Amino acid sequence: MTSRFFRTALLDPKPSRPLKRDIVELLKTRALIDPDQAAIAQRILHDMLRFDATLDFEQALEVLARIQLAWPQLGGEVVAEGAQ
């Protein structure tokens, strides 16, 4: 994955909402394939939540929770109930 492209699209103040949703879905799909891709997606989504995510907060948070459940060894700031 090219993290610069995804960060640029997700952090753009005037992006297309459907484009942002599609990118987050793509990040989720790729993140559930292997832990290396999950780590990249996790960093991108954390940046999105820190800098821009007012409208896309729930979608990004859901994907981060799914990554954490799929790859608990990655850790992260999202605490999923029952995951340890």
C-alpha atoms as a PDB file:
ATOM      1  CA  MET A   1       0.000   0.000   0.000  1.00  0.00           C
ATOM      2  CA  THR A   2       1.156   3.537  -0.672  1.00  0.00           C
ATOM      3  CA  SER A   3       0.564   5.293   2.615  1.00  0.00           C
ATOM      4  CA  ARG A   4       1.261   8.779   1.232  1.00  0.00           C
ATOM      5  CA  PHE A   5      -1.622   8.472  -1.249  1.00  0.00           C
ATOM      6  CA  PHE A   6      -4.061   7.282   1.414  1.00  0.00           C
ATOM      7  CA  ARG A   7      -3.032   9.954   3.913  1.00  0.00           C
ATOM      8  CA  THR A   8      -3.367  12.665   1.277  1.00  0.00           C
ATOM      9  CA  ALA A   9      -6.843  11.516   0.251  1.00  0.00           C
ATOM     10  CA  LEU A  10      -8.098  10.983   3.800  1.00  0.00           C
ATOM     11  CA  LEU A  11      -6.688  14.190   5.254  1.00  0.00           C
ATOM     12  CA  ASP A  12      -7.722  16.431   2.356  1.00  0.00           C
ATOM     13  CA  PRO A  13     -10.166  18.976   3.770  1.00  0.00           C
ATOM     14  CA  LYS A  14     -12.404  18.776   0.681  1.00  0.00           C
ATOM     15  CA  PRO A  15     -12.403  15.124  -0.344  1.00  0.00           C
ATOM     16  CA  SER A  16     -15.286  13.266  -1.844  1.00  0.00           C
ATOM     17  CA  ARG A  17     -17.119  11.509   1.015  1.00  0.00           C
ATOM     18  CA  PRO A  18     -17.682   8.352  -1.065  1.00  0.00           C
ATOM     19  CA  LEU A  19     -13.961   8.336  -1.924  1.00  0.00           C
ATOM     20  CA  LYS A  20     -13.011   8.532   1.761  1.00  0.00           C
ATOM     21  CA  ARG A  21     -15.406   5.699   2.615  1.00  0.00           C
ATOM     22  CA  ASP A  22     -14.001   3.580  -0.221  1.00  0.00           C
ATOM     23  CA  ILE A  23     -10.429   4.191   0.931  1.00  0.00           C
ATOM     24  CA  VAL A  24     -11.242   3.206   4.506  1.00  0.00           C
ATOM     25  CA  GLU A  25     -12.929   0.044   3.210  1.00  0.00           C
ATOM     26  CA  LEU A  26      -9.879  -0.755   1.086  1.00  0.00           C
ATOM     27  CA  LEU A  27      -7.612  -0.226   4.089  1.00  0.00           C
ATOM     28  CA  LYS A  28      -9.814  -2.608   6.087  1.00  0.00           C
ATOM     29  CA  THR A  29      -9.719  -5.266   3.384  1.00  0.00           C
ATOM     30  CA  ARG A  30      -5.946  -5.056   3.033  1.00  0.00           C
ATOM     31  CA  ALA A  31      -5.400  -4.886   6.799  1.00  0.00           C
ATOM     32  CA  LEU A  32      -7.194  -8.167   7.366  1.00  0.00           C
ATOM     33  CA  ILE A  33      -4.844  -9.961   4.942  1.00  0.00           C
ATOM     34  CA  ASP A  34      -1.652  -9.806   7.006  1.00  0.00           C
ATOM     35  CA  PRO A  35      -0.159  -7.981   9.988  1.00  0.00           C
ATOM     36  CA  ASP A  36       2.302  -5.887   7.946  1.00  0.00           C
ATOM     37  CA  GLN A  37      -0.517  -4.332   5.931  1.00  0.00           C
ATOM     38  CA  ALA A  38      -2.570  -4.012   9.122  1.00  0.00           C
ATOM     39  CA  ALA A  39       0.222  -2.002  10.778  1.00  0.00           C
ATOM     40  CA  ILE A  40       0.308   0.415   7.843  1.00  0.00           C
ATOM     41  CA  ALA A  41      -3.480   0.784   7.809  1.00  0.00           C
ATOM     42  CA  GLN A  42      -3.472   1.282  11.565  1.00  0.00           C
ATOM     43  CA  ARG A  43      -1.004   4.190  11.340  1.00  0.00           C
ATOM     44  CA  ILE A  44      -2.979   5.827   8.520  1.00  0.00           C
ATOM     45  CA  LEU A  45      -6.302   5.506  10.344  1.00  0.00           C
ATOM     46  CA  HIS A  46      -4.825   6.827  13.598  1.00  0.00           C
ATOM     47  CA  ASP A  47      -3.608   9.885  11.673  1.00  0.00           C
ATOM     48  CA  MET A  48      -7.056  10.277  10.164  1.00  0.00           C
ATOM     49  CA  LEU A  49      -8.665  10.200  13.605  1.00  0.00           C
ATOM     50  CA  ARG A  50      -6.127  12.648  15.030  1.00  0.00           C
ATOM     51  CA  PHE A  51      -6.352  15.228  12.272  1.00  0.00           C
ATOM     52  CA  ASP A  52      -9.646  15.034  10.425  1.00  0.00           C
ATOM     53  CA  ALA A  53     -12.112  12.335  11.294  1.00  0.00           C
ATOM     54  CA  THR A  54     -15.115  14.268  12.485  1.00  0.00           C
ATOM     55  CA  LEU A  55     -17.426  12.838   9.825  1.00  0.00           C
ATOM     56  CA  ASP A  56     -15.696   9.479   9.400  1.00  0.00           C
ATOM     57  CA  PHE A  57     -14.908   8.737  13.035  1.00  0.00           C
ATOM     58  CA  GLU A  58     -17.165   5.690  13.421  1.00  0.00           C
ATOM     59  CA  GLN A  59     -15.983   3.995  10.233  1.00  0.00           C
ATOM     60  CA  ALA A  60     -12.301   4.525  11.054  1.00  0.00           C
ATOM     61  CA  LEU A  61     -12.783   3.390  14.647  1.00  0.00           C
ATOM     62  CA  GLU A  62     -14.579   0.240  13.499  1.00  0.00           C
ATOM     63  CA  VAL A  63     -11.735  -0.644  11.136  1.00  0.00           C
ATOM     64  CA  LEU A  64      -9.137  -0.036  13.861  1.00  0.00           C
ATOM     65  CA  ALA A  65     -11.081  -2.337  16.197  1.00  0.00           C
ATOM     66  CA  ARG A  66     -11.247  -5.050  13.511  1.00  0.00           C
ATOM     67  CA  ILE A  67      -7.489  -4.747  12.934  1.00  0.00           C
ATOM     68  CA  GLN A  68      -6.845  -5.072  16.647  1.00  0.00           C
ATOM     69  CA  LEU A  69      -9.060  -8.141  16.910  1.00  0.00           C
ATOM     70  CA  ALA A  70      -7.432  -9.748  13.857  1.00  0.00           C
ATOM     71  CA  TRP A  71      -3.855  -8.883  14.858  1.00  0.00           C
ATOM     72  CA  PRO A  72      -3.707  -8.314  18.650  1.00  0.00           C
ATOM     73  CA  GLN A  73       0.099  -8.405  18.560  1.00  0.00           C
ATOM     74  CA  LEU A  74       0.050  -5.002  16.837  1.00  0.00           C
ATOM     75  CA  GLY A  75      -1.397  -3.361  19.916  1.00  0.00           C
ATOM     76  CA  GLY A  76      -2.886   0.039  19.362  1.00  0.00           C
ATOM     77  CA  GLU A  77      -4.866   2.732  21.047  1.00  0.00           C
ATOM     78  CA  VAL A  78      -8.262   1.113  20.481  1.00  0.00           C
ATOM     79  CA  VAL A  79      -9.302  -1.084  23.389  1.00  0.00           C
ATOM     80  CA  ALA A  80     -11.676  -3.796  22.214  1.00  0.00           C
ATOM     81  CA  GLU A  81     -13.762  -5.350  24.960  1.00  0.00           C
ATOM     82  CA  GLY A  82     -12.646  -8.913  25.589  1.00  0.00           C
ATOM     83  CA  ALA A  83      -9.353  -8.547  23.653  1.00  0.00           C
ATOM     84  CA  GLN A  84      -6.139  -8.892  25.633  1.00  0.00           C
END
